[in-house]
Protein backbone atom coordinates (compact mmCIF):
# COMPACT_ATOMS: atom_id res chain seq x y z
CA UNK A 1 9.54 -1.25 1.56
CA UNK A 2 8.20 0.88 4.39
CA UNK A 3 8.51 -0.20 8.02
CA UNK A 4 5.96 0.99 10.55
CA UNK A 5 5.00 0.44 14.16
CA UNK A 6 1.20 0.44 14.36
CA UNK A 7 -0.51 -0.41 17.69
CA UNK A 8 2.83 -1.65 19.07
CA UNK A 9 3.12 -4.10 16.17
CA UNK A 10 6.01 -3.97 13.71
CA UNK A 11 4.72 -4.08 10.15
CA UNK A 12 6.18 -3.79 6.67
CA UNK A 13 4.39 -2.17 3.76
CA UNK A 14 5.52 -3.49 0.39
CA UNK A 15 4.52 -2.21 -3.05
CA UNK A 16 4.89 -4.05 -6.35
CA UNK A 17 3.91 -3.17 -9.89
CA UNK A 18 3.10 -5.32 -12.90
CA UNK A 19 5.43 -4.98 -15.86
CA UNK A 20 3.93 -3.45 -18.98
CA UNK A 21 2.42 -6.04 -21.32
CA UNK A 22 0.25 -4.62 -24.13
CA UNK A 23 -2.49 -7.23 -23.66
CA UNK A 24 -2.78 -6.83 -19.85
CA UNK A 25 -3.78 -3.76 -17.84
CA UNK A 26 -1.16 -2.38 -15.44
CA UNK A 27 -1.68 -2.76 -11.71
CA UNK A 28 -0.22 -1.78 -8.36
CA UNK A 29 -0.24 -4.09 -5.33
CA UNK A 30 0.24 -3.20 -1.67
CA UNK A 31 0.99 -5.92 0.89
CA UNK A 32 1.02 -5.32 4.63
CA UNK A 33 3.32 -7.86 6.25
CA UNK A 34 4.08 -8.88 9.82
CA UNK A 35 7.63 -10.18 10.37
CA UNK A 36 7.43 -13.74 11.64
CA UNK A 37 10.88 -15.26 12.13
CA UNK A 38 12.54 -15.83 8.78
CA UNK A 39 9.40 -15.21 6.71
CA UNK A 40 6.86 -12.42 6.65
CA UNK A 41 3.18 -13.16 7.28
CA UNK A 42 0.76 -11.40 4.94
CA UNK A 43 -1.76 -9.39 6.97
CA UNK A 44 -3.64 -7.74 4.10
CA UNK A 45 -3.38 -7.04 0.38
CA UNK A 46 -4.76 -4.23 -1.75
CA UNK A 47 -4.69 -4.11 -5.54
CA UNK A 48 -5.47 -1.33 -8.01
CA UNK A 49 -5.81 -2.19 -11.68
CA UNK A 50 -5.74 0.47 -14.36
CA UNK A 51 -8.46 0.34 -17.01
CA UNK A 52 -7.08 -0.25 -20.53
CA UNK A 53 -8.27 3.17 -21.74
CA UNK A 54 -6.70 5.06 -18.78
CA UNK A 55 -3.16 6.36 -18.47
CA UNK A 56 -1.15 4.42 -15.89
CA UNK A 57 -0.03 6.55 -12.93
CA UNK A 58 2.18 4.75 -10.43
CA UNK A 59 1.48 7.29 -7.68
CA UNK A 60 -2.32 7.02 -7.96
CA UNK A 61 -2.13 3.23 -8.16
CA UNK A 62 0.06 3.08 -5.06
CA UNK A 63 -2.38 5.26 -3.07
CA UNK A 64 -5.43 3.28 -4.17
CA UNK A 65 -3.79 -0.09 -3.48
CA UNK A 66 -2.66 1.18 -0.05
CA UNK A 67 -6.17 2.44 0.78
CA UNK A 68 -7.62 -0.95 -0.15
CA UNK A 69 -5.02 -2.79 1.94
CA UNK A 70 -5.85 -0.83 5.11
CA UNK A 71 -9.64 -0.83 4.56
CA UNK A 72 -10.25 -3.52 7.22
CA UNK A 73 -8.70 -1.46 10.04
CA UNK A 74 -10.66 1.01 12.15
CA UNK A 75 -10.37 4.74 11.54
CA UNK A 76 -7.75 5.45 14.23
CA UNK A 77 -5.39 2.78 12.89
CA UNK A 78 -5.95 3.91 9.29
CA UNK A 79 -4.89 7.44 10.32
CA UNK A 80 -1.64 6.02 11.71
CA UNK A 81 -1.05 4.12 8.47
CA UNK A 82 -1.69 7.25 6.37
CA UNK A 83 0.69 9.30 8.54
CA UNK A 84 3.45 6.73 7.93
CA UNK A 85 2.61 6.63 4.21
CA UNK A 86 2.75 10.41 3.79
CA UNK A 87 5.94 10.77 5.83
CA UNK A 88 7.85 8.12 3.87
CA UNK A 89 6.63 8.71 0.31
CA UNK A 90 7.22 12.45 0.33
CA UNK A 91 3.59 13.27 -0.39
CA UNK A 92 2.17 16.22 1.58
CA UNK A 93 0.71 15.13 4.88
CA UNK A 94 -2.95 16.12 4.84
CA UNK A 95 -3.79 13.85 7.75
CA UNK A 96 -4.23 15.79 10.96
């Protein structure tokens, strides 16, 4: 789980992955959560599902699910999200 402060709001970014089942395609899910007392409130969700004929790549699925989860935010906020993502996942930071 990644914690971030975006626009003076504390948020958590959580990734989950479906277990491999031969009859179901694999998928990656990204949830953006806002801490709310004892429970976390879901702000947005992004999901990337791998086609059955494709090779599953956790890294690509995570990026695509993350991009879909932050799609509703304006460009400035998305840049902040990407900066946090690149700094915590170890991927090169191409965001300037």
